[in-house]
Amino acid sequence: MSDTSNEPVLLRRDHGRIAILTLNRPRAMNALSGELIDALQAEFDRLAADRTIRCVIVEATGRAFSTGHDLREVAAQMDYGFHHDLLERCSAMMLSIQRLPQPVIAKVHAMATAAGCQLVAACDLAVASSEATFATSGITNGLFCGTPSVTVGRNVGKKRALDMLFTGQFVDAATALRDGLVSRVASPDRLDEETMALATQIASQPPQQIASGKAMFHKHMEMNIDQAYALAIEFMAGALQSADAQAGIDAFVNKKPKPEWKGK
């Protein structure tokens, strides 16, 4: 469904050190149109250079978190070049989430399907309403969810991912939590509160350690275990020399108040 209002497809508001991005295509079930993909990319590019923001929440308006690619837009141009460009832009946007210095939390209030499920999986953390549902449902429309399989498979493992990809069946929030697609589940009336509490806790931690730790984690997850340990050893040995780590350890050992973090 196309957007007929003058409302922007993506909203942003900041709550202290937390940026909140809101998918705002409720009539189209927050389908990831090219315009919405580009708007998300632009915000992630801005956030990458913004050291005042310590955590990012991605949420949505309306009856769905996101139903994936806008199939009306996809069907309007049955051209390989158009489709390849759209998928390339979407994949670059998803990778931008991993490369941001700030942790990104998906706040999932309702269903997330296909590339919408991919977006949840691409975020570092996800807090889901107990009423939220998830599916890689492209197969039911004759299309295997290839790009969603990249992040979903890395979240839930091969057999669970292929079960979702081959069948297109929905899973509930409890199953998504069990399988690792989301990190927390909250009742609908507490979703806002619990997501903000998580973001606030993260935003209170030393920002440089969070940023470098996130980058290290995502890097070592693509390595074999020997390489991963070598990278983690190098990271931690360097981190122990930082002013924040030394101040934090001193506060713990000597029972001092929590220090003000120096890292930017």
C-alpha atoms as a PDB file:
ATOM      1  CA  MET A   1       0.000   0.000   0.000  1.00  0.00           C
ATOM      2  CA  SER A   2       1.384   3.389  -0.900  1.00  0.00           C
ATOM      3  CA  ASP A   3       1.617   6.268   1.541  1.00  0.00           C
ATOM      4  CA  THR A   4      -1.073   8.868   0.956  1.00  0.00           C
ATOM      5  CA  SER A   5      -0.486  11.183   3.918  1.00  0.00           C
ATOM      6  CA  ASN A   6       2.205  13.801   4.309  1.00  0.00           C
ATOM      7  CA  GLU A   7       3.522  12.037   7.410  1.00  0.00           C
ATOM      8  CA  PRO A   8       7.198  11.017   7.208  1.00  0.00           C
ATOM      9  CA  VAL A   9       7.741   7.268   6.894  1.00  0.00           C
ATOM     10  CA  LEU A  10      10.245   7.341   9.767  1.00  0.00           C
ATOM     11  CA  LEU A  11      10.026   9.388  12.950  1.00  0.00           C
ATOM     12  CA  ARG A  12      12.794  10.140  15.416  1.00  0.00           C
ATOM     13  CA  ARG A  13      12.672  11.437  18.940  1.00  0.00           C
ATOM     14  CA  ASP A  14      15.442  11.487  21.527  1.00  0.00           C
ATOM     15  CA  HIS A  15      14.951  10.611  25.184  1.00  0.00           C
ATOM     16  CA  GLY A  16      18.121  11.832  26.837  1.00  0.00           C
ATOM     17  CA  ARG A  17      20.927   9.644  25.481  1.00  0.00           C
ATOM     18  CA  ILE A  18      18.491   7.261  23.749  1.00  0.00           C
ATOM     19  CA  ALA A  19      17.342   7.729  20.140  1.00  0.00           C
ATOM     20  CA  ILE A  20      13.958   6.239  19.250  1.00  0.00           C
ATOM     21  CA  LEU A  21      13.248   5.524  15.568  1.00  0.00           C
ATOM     22  CA  THR A  22       9.620   4.783  14.713  1.00  0.00           C
ATOM     23  CA  LEU A  23       8.568   3.037  11.512  1.00  0.00           C
ATOM     24  CA  ASN A  24       5.582   5.121  10.437  1.00  0.00           C
ATOM     25  CA  ARG A  25       3.745   3.406   7.586  1.00  0.00           C
ATOM     26  CA  PRO A  26       0.844   1.994   9.617  1.00  0.00           C
ATOM     27  CA  ARG A  27      -1.565   1.699   6.665  1.00  0.00           C
ATOM     28  CA  ALA A  28       1.052  -0.373   4.831  1.00  0.00           C
ATOM     29  CA  MET A  29       1.857  -2.472   7.927  1.00  0.00           C
ATOM     30  CA  ASN A  30       5.252  -0.721   8.025  1.00  0.00           C
ATOM     31  CA  ALA A  31       6.398  -2.520   4.894  1.00  0.00           C
ATOM     32  CA  LEU A  32      10.000  -1.648   4.069  1.00  0.00           C
ATOM     33  CA  SER A  33       9.565   0.517   0.999  1.00  0.00           C
ATOM     34  CA  GLY A  34      12.610   1.977  -0.688  1.00  0.00           C
ATOM     35  CA  GLU A  35      11.761   5.302   0.922  1.00  0.00           C
ATOM     36  CA  LEU A  36      11.652   3.771   4.414  1.00  0.00           C
ATOM     37  CA  ILE A  37      14.869   1.819   3.827  1.00  0.00           C
ATOM     38  CA  ASP A  38      16.629   5.021   2.749  1.00  0.00           C
ATOM     39  CA  ALA A  39      15.214   6.945   5.718  1.00  0.00           C
ATOM     40  CA  LEU A  40      16.523   4.307   8.132  1.00  0.00           C
ATOM     41  CA  GLN A  41      19.916   4.367   6.409  1.00  0.00           C
ATOM     42  CA  ALA A  42      20.098   8.153   6.724  1.00  0.00           C
ATOM     43  CA  GLU A  43      19.324   8.010  10.445  1.00  0.00           C
ATOM     44  CA  PHE A  44      21.861   5.243  11.058  1.00  0.00           C
ATOM     45  CA  ASP A  45      24.487   7.293   9.214  1.00  0.00           C
ATOM     46  CA  ARG A  46      23.719  10.274  11.470  1.00  0.00           C
ATOM     47  CA  LEU A  47      23.790   8.137  14.600  1.00  0.00           C
ATOM     48  CA  ALA A  48      27.148   6.614  13.672  1.00  0.00           C
ATOM     49  CA  ALA A  49      28.729  10.050  14.140  1.00  0.00           C
ATOM     50  CA  ASP A  50      26.657  11.099  17.176  1.00  0.00           C
ATOM     51  CA  ARG A  51      28.510  10.476  20.439  1.00  0.00           C
ATOM     52  CA  THR A  52      25.713  12.006  22.523  1.00  0.00           C
ATOM     53  CA  ILE A  53      23.455   9.009  21.777  1.00  0.00           C
ATOM     54  CA  ARG A  54      24.294   5.851  23.721  1.00  0.00           C
ATOM     55  CA  CYS A  55      21.495   3.479  22.654  1.00  0.00           C
ATOM     56  CA  VAL A  56      18.920   3.233  19.842  1.00  0.00           C
ATOM     57  CA  ILE A  57      15.394   1.787  19.907  1.00  0.00           C
ATOM     58  CA  VAL A  58      13.587   0.795  16.702  1.00  0.00           C
ATOM     59  CA  GLU A  59       9.809   0.628  17.125  1.00  0.00           C
ATOM     60  CA  ALA A  60       6.732   0.909  14.909  1.00  0.00           C
ATOM     61  CA  THR A  61       3.243   2.359  14.767  1.00  0.00           C
ATOM     62  CA  GLY A  62       0.057   0.516  13.875  1.00  0.00           C
ATOM     63  CA  ARG A  63      -0.935  -3.146  13.775  1.00  0.00           C
ATOM     64  CA  ALA A  64       2.433  -4.581  12.735  1.00  0.00           C
ATOM     65  CA  PHE A  65       6.087  -4.048  13.496  1.00  0.00           C
ATOM     66  CA  SER A  66       6.842  -4.683   9.816  1.00  0.00           C
ATOM     67  CA  THR A  67       5.585  -7.113   7.199  1.00  0.00           C
ATOM     68  CA  GLY A  68       8.818  -6.969   5.207  1.00  0.00           C
ATOM     69  CA  HIS A  69       9.389  -5.612   1.729  1.00  0.00           C
ATOM     70  CA  ASP A  70       6.594  -3.636   0.132  1.00  0.00           C
ATOM     71  CA  LEU A  71       5.333  -6.240  -2.348  1.00  0.00           C
ATOM     72  CA  ARG A  72       3.297  -3.667  -4.260  1.00  0.00           C
ATOM     73  CA  GLU A  73       6.471  -1.705  -4.890  1.00  0.00           C
ATOM     74  CA  VAL A  74       8.328  -4.908  -5.771  1.00  0.00           C
ATOM     75  CA  ALA A  75       5.603  -5.999  -8.223  1.00  0.00           C
ATOM     76  CA  ALA A  76       5.394  -2.584  -9.894  1.00  0.00           C
ATOM     77  CA  GLN A  77       8.751  -3.127 -11.627  1.00  0.00           C
ATOM     78  CA  MET A  78       9.587  -6.697 -12.576  1.00  0.00           C
ATOM     79  CA  ASP A  79      13.158  -5.788 -13.410  1.00  0.00           C
ATOM     80  CA  TYR A  80      16.267  -7.532 -12.049  1.00  0.00           C
ATOM     81  CA  GLY A  81      18.251  -4.311 -11.730  1.00  0.00           C
ATOM     82  CA  PHE A  82      15.496  -2.595  -9.743  1.00  0.00           C
ATOM     83  CA  HIS A  83      15.079  -5.576  -7.424  1.00  0.00           C
ATOM     84  CA  HIS A  84      18.834  -6.032  -6.947  1.00  0.00           C
ATOM     85  CA  ASP A  85      19.279  -2.366  -6.057  1.00  0.00           C
ATOM     86  CA  LEU A  86      16.394  -2.456  -3.571  1.00  0.00           C
ATOM     87  CA  LEU A  87      17.745  -5.584  -1.866  1.00  0.00           C
ATOM     88  CA  GLU A  88      21.273  -4.189  -1.832  1.00  0.00           C
ATOM     89  CA  ARG A  89      20.107  -0.978  -0.146  1.00  0.00           C
ATOM     90  CA  CYS A  90      18.107  -2.974   2.392  1.00  0.00           C
ATOM     91  CA  SER A  91      21.035  -5.263   3.189  1.00  0.00           C
ATOM     92  CA  ALA A  92      23.376  -2.268   3.584  1.00  0.00           C
ATOM     93  CA  MET A  93      20.886  -0.716   6.002  1.00  0.00           C
ATOM     94  CA  MET A  94      20.731  -3.949   8.037  1.00  0.00           C
ATOM     95  CA  LEU A  95      24.544  -4.106   8.163  1.00  0.00           C
ATOM     96  CA  SER A  96      24.630  -0.491   9.350  1.00  0.00           C
ATOM     97  CA  ILE A  97      22.867  -1.628  12.530  1.00  0.00           C
ATOM     98  CA  GLN A  98      25.680  -4.061  13.313  1.00  0.00           C
ATOM     99  CA  ARG A  99      28.311  -1.413  12.542  1.00  0.00           C
ATOM    100  CA  LEU A 100      26.793   1.331  14.700  1.00  0.00           C
ATOM    101  CA  PRO A 101      28.751   2.065  17.879  1.00  0.00           C
ATOM    102  CA  GLN A 102      25.489   2.161  19.835  1.00  0.00           C
ATOM    103  CA  PRO A 103      23.523  -0.983  20.725  1.00  0.00           C
ATOM    104  CA  VAL A 104      20.229  -1.154  18.832  1.00  0.00           C
ATOM    105  CA  ILE A 105      17.089  -2.611  20.429  1.00  0.00           C
ATOM    106  CA  ALA A 106      14.056  -3.681  18.406  1.00  0.00           C
ATOM    107  CA  LYS A 107      10.824  -3.047  20.322  1.00  0.00           C
ATOM    108  CA  VAL A 108       8.379  -5.464  18.706  1.00  0.00           C
ATOM    109  CA  HIS A 109       4.761  -4.867  19.644  1.00  0.00           C
ATOM    110  CA  ALA A 110       3.133  -6.985  16.923  1.00  0.00           C
ATOM    111  CA  MET A 111       3.944  -9.225  13.967  1.00  0.00           C
ATOM    112  CA  ALA A 112       7.297  -9.071  12.211  1.00  0.00           C
ATOM    113  CA  THR A 113       7.477 -11.031   8.962  1.00  0.00           C
ATOM    114  CA  ALA A 114       9.964 -11.589   6.128  1.00  0.00           C
ATOM    115  CA  ALA A 115      12.317  -8.559   5.994  1.00  0.00           C
ATOM    116  CA  GLY A 116      10.531  -7.244   9.095  1.00  0.00           C
ATOM    117  CA  CYS A 117      11.701 -10.361  10.919  1.00  0.00           C
ATOM    118  CA  GLN A 118      15.123  -9.759   9.347  1.00  0.00           C
ATOM    119  CA  LEU A 119      15.140  -6.266  10.889  1.00  0.00           C
ATOM    120  CA  VAL A 120      14.420  -7.712  14.337  1.00  0.00           C
ATOM    121  CA  ALA A 121      17.206 -10.252  13.901  1.00  0.00           C
ATOM    122  CA  ALA A 122      19.618  -7.562  12.669  1.00  0.00           C
ATOM    123  CA  CYS A 123      19.217  -5.540  15.874  1.00  0.00           C
ATOM    124  CA  ASP A 124      21.593  -6.294  18.730  1.00  0.00           C
ATOM    125  CA  LEU A 125      18.720  -6.902  21.150  1.00  0.00           C
ATOM    126  CA  ALA A 126      14.962  -7.288  20.835  1.00  0.00           C
ATOM    127  CA  VAL A 127      12.210  -6.867  23.405  1.00  0.00           C
ATOM    128  CA  ALA A 128       8.943  -8.393  22.211  1.00  0.00           C
ATOM    129  CA  SER A 129       5.410  -8.075  23.436  1.00  0.00           C
ATOM    130  CA  SER A 130       3.999 -11.417  24.486  1.00  0.00           C
ATOM    131  CA  GLU A 131       1.474 -10.849  21.682  1.00  0.00           C
ATOM    132  CA  ALA A 132       4.115 -10.400  18.958  1.00  0.00           C
ATOM    133  CA  THR A 133       4.566 -13.053  16.261  1.00  0.00           C
ATOM    134  CA  PHE A 134       7.364 -13.760  13.824  1.00  0.00           C
ATOM    135  CA  ALA A 135       7.684 -15.475  10.445  1.00  0.00           C
ATOM    136  CA  THR A 136       9.863 -15.701   7.363  1.00  0.00           C
ATOM    137  CA  SER A 137       6.729 -16.070   5.298  1.00  0.00           C
ATOM    138  CA  GLY A 138       7.961 -15.329   1.790  1.00  0.00           C
ATOM    139  CA  ILE A 139       7.647 -18.973   0.812  1.00  0.00           C
ATOM    140  CA  THR A 140       3.859 -18.730   1.137  1.00  0.00           C
ATOM    141  CA  ASN A 141       4.009 -16.095  -1.630  1.00  0.00           C
ATOM    142  CA  GLY A 142       6.250 -18.264  -3.785  1.00  0.00           C
ATOM    143  CA  LEU A 143       9.530 -16.669  -2.673  1.00  0.00           C
ATOM    144  CA  PHE A 144      12.164 -18.103  -0.312  1.00  0.00           C
ATOM    145  CA  CYS A 145      13.247 -15.393   2.165  1.00  0.00           C
ATOM    146  CA  GLY A 146      16.897 -15.315   1.090  1.00  0.00           C
ATOM    147  CA  THR A 147      18.097 -12.076   2.664  1.00  0.00           C
ATOM    148  CA  PRO A 148      16.097 -12.579   5.891  1.00  0.00           C
ATOM    149  CA  SER A 149      17.744 -16.003   6.179  1.00  0.00           C
ATOM    150  CA  VAL A 150      21.129 -14.305   6.748  1.00  0.00           C
ATOM    151  CA  THR A 151      20.256 -12.637  10.050  1.00  0.00           C
ATOM    152  CA  VAL A 152      17.568 -15.081  11.194  1.00  0.00           C
ATOM    153  CA  GLY A 153      19.905 -18.031  10.635  1.00  0.00           C
ATOM    154  CA  ARG A 154      22.607 -16.326  12.686  1.00  0.00           C
ATOM    155  CA  ASN A 155      20.139 -15.746  15.518  1.00  0.00           C
ATOM    156  CA  VAL A 156      18.356 -19.086  15.811  1.00  0.00           C
ATOM    157  CA  GLY A 157      20.636 -21.651  14.169  1.00  0.00           C
ATOM    158  CA  LYS A 158      20.281 -23.677  10.987  1.00  0.00           C
ATOM    159  CA  LYS A 159      17.503 -26.127  11.754  1.00  0.00           C
ATOM    160  CA  ARG A 160      15.162 -23.653  13.435  1.00  0.00           C
ATOM    161  CA  ALA A 161      15.800 -21.093  10.695  1.00  0.00           C
ATOM    162  CA  LEU A 162      15.122 -23.579   7.914  1.00  0.00           C
ATOM    163  CA  ASP A 163      11.953 -24.732   9.667  1.00  0.00           C
ATOM    164  CA  MET A 164      10.729 -21.111   9.554  1.00  0.00           C
ATOM    165  CA  LEU A 165      12.004 -20.549   5.999  1.00  0.00           C
ATOM    166  CA  PHE A 166      10.596 -23.750   4.497  1.00  0.00           C
ATOM    167  CA  THR A 167       7.162 -23.491   6.120  1.00  0.00           C
ATOM    168  CA  GLY A 168       6.515 -19.780   6.524  1.00  0.00           C
ATOM    169  CA  GLN A 169       4.754 -20.621   9.776  1.00  0.00           C
ATOM    170  CA  PHE A 170       4.460 -18.036  12.531  1.00  0.00           C
ATOM    171  CA  VAL A 171       6.158 -18.480  15.888  1.00  0.00           C
ATOM    172  CA  ASP A 172       5.001 -16.755  19.051  1.00  0.00           C
ATOM    173  CA  ALA A 173       7.075 -14.541  21.319  1.00  0.00           C
ATOM    174  CA  ALA A 174       7.844 -17.349  23.784  1.00  0.00           C
ATOM    175  CA  THR A 175       9.252 -19.488  20.961  1.00  0.00           C
ATOM    176  CA  ALA A 176      11.201 -16.521  19.584  1.00  0.00           C
ATOM    177  CA  LEU A 177      12.735 -16.024  23.041  1.00  0.00           C
ATOM    178  CA  ARG A 178      13.579 -19.714  23.387  1.00  0.00           C
ATOM    179  CA  ASP A 179      15.228 -19.781  19.964  1.00  0.00           C
ATOM    180  CA  GLY A 180      17.201 -16.554  20.393  1.00  0.00           C
ATOM    181  CA  LEU A 181      15.366 -14.349  17.916  1.00  0.00           C
ATOM    182  CA  VAL A 182      14.466 -11.955  20.746  1.00  0.00           C
ATOM    183  CA  SER A 183      16.240 -11.318  24.040  1.00  0.00           C
ATOM    184  CA  ARG A 184      13.299 -10.438  26.296  1.00  0.00           C
ATOM    185  CA  VAL A 185       9.499 -10.734  26.336  1.00  0.00           C
ATOM    186  CA  ALA A 186       7.186  -8.340  28.154  1.00  0.00           C
ATOM    187  CA  SER A 187       3.452  -8.079  28.597  1.00  0.00           C
ATOM    188  CA  PRO A 188       1.912  -5.555  26.187  1.00  0.00           C
ATOM    189  CA  ASP A 189       1.255  -3.040  28.957  1.00  0.00           C
ATOM    190  CA  ARG A 190       4.897  -3.176  30.075  1.00  0.00           C
ATOM    191  CA  LEU A 191       6.641  -3.275  26.692  1.00  0.00           C
ATOM    192  CA  ASP A 192       7.420   0.458  26.611  1.00  0.00           C
ATOM    193  CA  GLU A 193       8.618   0.513  30.206  1.00  0.00           C
ATOM    194  CA  GLU A 194      10.824  -2.575  29.962  1.00  0.00           C
ATOM    195  CA  THR A 195      12.375  -1.547  26.647  1.00  0.00           C
ATOM    196  CA  MET A 196      13.194   1.912  27.980  1.00  0.00           C
ATOM    197  CA  ALA A 197      14.596   0.432  31.193  1.00  0.00           C
ATOM    198  CA  LEU A 198      16.931  -1.790  29.163  1.00  0.00           C
ATOM    199  CA  ALA A 199      18.018   1.101  26.933  1.00  0.00           C
ATOM    200  CA  THR A 200      18.585   3.344  29.961  1.00  0.00           C
ATOM    201  CA  GLN A 201      20.731   0.723  31.663  1.00  0.00           C
ATOM    202  CA  ILE A 202      22.853   0.313  28.533  1.00  0.00           C
ATOM    203  CA  ALA A 203      23.131   4.092  28.101  1.00  0.00           C
ATOM    204  CA  SER A 204      24.546   4.367  31.646  1.00  0.00           C
ATOM    205  CA  GLN A 205      27.503   2.089  30.874  1.00  0.00           C
ATOM    206  CA  PRO A 206      30.926   3.309  29.664  1.00  0.00           C
ATOM    207  CA  PRO A 207      30.228   4.245  26.027  1.00  0.00           C
ATOM    208  CA  GLN A 208      33.638   3.451  24.579  1.00  0.00           C
ATOM    209  CA  GLN A 209      33.614  -0.022  26.142  1.00  0.00           C
ATOM    210  CA  ILE A 210      30.098  -0.632  24.796  1.00  0.00           C
ATOM    211  CA  ALA A 211      31.043   0.534  21.284  1.00  0.00           C
ATOM    212  CA  SER A 212      34.322  -1.359  21.050  1.00  0.00           C
ATOM    213  CA  GLY A 213      32.846  -4.416  22.769  1.00  0.00           C
ATOM    214  CA  LYS A 214      29.951  -4.538  20.307  1.00  0.00           C
ATOM    215  CA  ALA A 215      32.347  -4.343  17.355  1.00  0.00           C
ATOM    216  CA  MET A 216      34.579  -7.045  18.854  1.00  0.00           C
ATOM    217  CA  PHE A 217      31.633  -9.349  19.540  1.00  0.00           C
ATOM    218  CA  HIS A 218      30.223  -9.169  16.018  1.00  0.00           C
ATOM    219  CA  LYS A 219      33.699  -9.691  14.559  1.00  0.00           C
ATOM    220  CA  HIS A 220      34.539 -12.763  16.626  1.00  0.00           C
ATOM    221  CA  MET A 221      31.171 -14.370  15.941  1.00  0.00           C
ATOM    222  CA  GLU A 222      32.318 -14.830  12.325  1.00  0.00           C
ATOM    223  CA  MET A 223      35.635 -16.452  13.382  1.00  0.00           C
ATOM    224  CA  ASN A 224      36.638 -19.916  14.503  1.00  0.00           C
ATOM    225  CA  ILE A 225      37.089 -20.340  18.248  1.00  0.00           C
ATOM    226  CA  ASP A 226      40.895 -19.971  18.269  1.00  0.00           C
ATOM    227  CA  GLN A 227      40.704 -16.728  16.300  1.00  0.00           C
ATOM    228  CA  ALA A 228      37.845 -15.518  18.503  1.00  0.00           C
ATOM    229  CA  TYR A 229      39.823 -16.044  21.703  1.00  0.00           C
ATOM    230  CA  ALA A 230      42.888 -14.327  20.208  1.00  0.00           C
ATOM    231  CA  LEU A 231      40.780 -11.304  19.297  1.00  0.00           C
ATOM    232  CA  ALA A 232      39.027 -11.239  22.687  1.00  0.00           C
ATOM    233  CA  ILE A 233      42.347 -11.482  24.576  1.00  0.00           C
ATOM    234  CA  GLU A 234      43.762  -8.566  22.598  1.00  0.00           C
ATOM    235  CA  PHE A 235      40.568  -6.584  23.196  1.00  0.00           C
ATOM    236  CA  MET A 236      40.450  -7.182  26.949  1.00  0.00           C
ATOM    237  CA  ALA A 237      44.150  -6.575  27.519  1.00  0.00           C
ATOM    238  CA  GLY A 238      43.754  -3.215  25.808  1.00  0.00           C
ATOM    239  CA  ALA A 239      40.490  -2.448  27.585  1.00  0.00           C
ATOM    240  CA  LEU A 240      42.117  -3.031  30.982  1.00  0.00           C
ATOM    241  CA  GLN A 241      44.453  -0.121  30.246  1.00  0.00           C
ATOM    242  CA  SER A 242      41.567   2.300  29.720  1.00  0.00           C
ATOM    243  CA  ALA A 243      40.714   5.008  32.232  1.00  0.00           C
ATOM    244  CA  ASP A 244      37.129   3.733  32.536  1.00  0.00           C
ATOM    245  CA  ALA A 245      38.175   0.165  33.343  1.00  0.00           C
ATOM    246  CA  GLN A 246      40.784   1.279  35.853  1.00  0.00           C
ATOM    247  CA  ALA A 247      38.319   3.634  37.560  1.00  0.00           C
ATOM    248  CA  GLY A 248      35.584   0.979  37.597  1.00  0.00           C
ATOM    249  CA  ILE A 249      37.843  -1.705  39.029  1.00  0.00           C
ATOM    250  CA  ASP A 250      39.198   0.700  41.641  1.00  0.00           C
ATOM    251  CA  ALA A 251      35.631   1.610  42.665  1.00  0.00           C
ATOM    252  CA  PHE A 252      34.722  -2.078  43.013  1.00  0.00           C
ATOM    253  CA  VAL A 253      37.852  -3.101  44.909  1.00  0.00           C
ATOM    254  CA  ASN A 254      37.829  -0.115  47.252  1.00  0.00           C
ATOM    255  CA  LYS A 255      34.033   0.164  47.611  1.00  0.00           C
ATOM    256  CA  LYS A 256      33.867   3.634  46.089  1.00  0.00           C
ATOM    257  CA  PRO A 257      30.841   5.158  44.311  1.00  0.00           C
ATOM    258  CA  LYS A 258      30.424   4.327  40.636  1.00  0.00           C
ATOM    259  CA  PRO A 259      32.689   6.670  38.654  1.00  0.00           C
ATOM    260  CA  GLU A 260      31.781   9.066  35.875  1.00  0.00           C
ATOM    261  CA  TRP A 261      32.823   7.369  32.650  1.00  0.00           C
ATOM    262  CA  LYS A 262      35.516   9.216  30.685  1.00  0.00           C
ATOM    263  CA  GLY A 263      35.182   7.431  27.329  1.00  0.00           C
ATOM    264  CA  LYS A 264      33.388   9.259  24.520  1.00  0.00           C
END
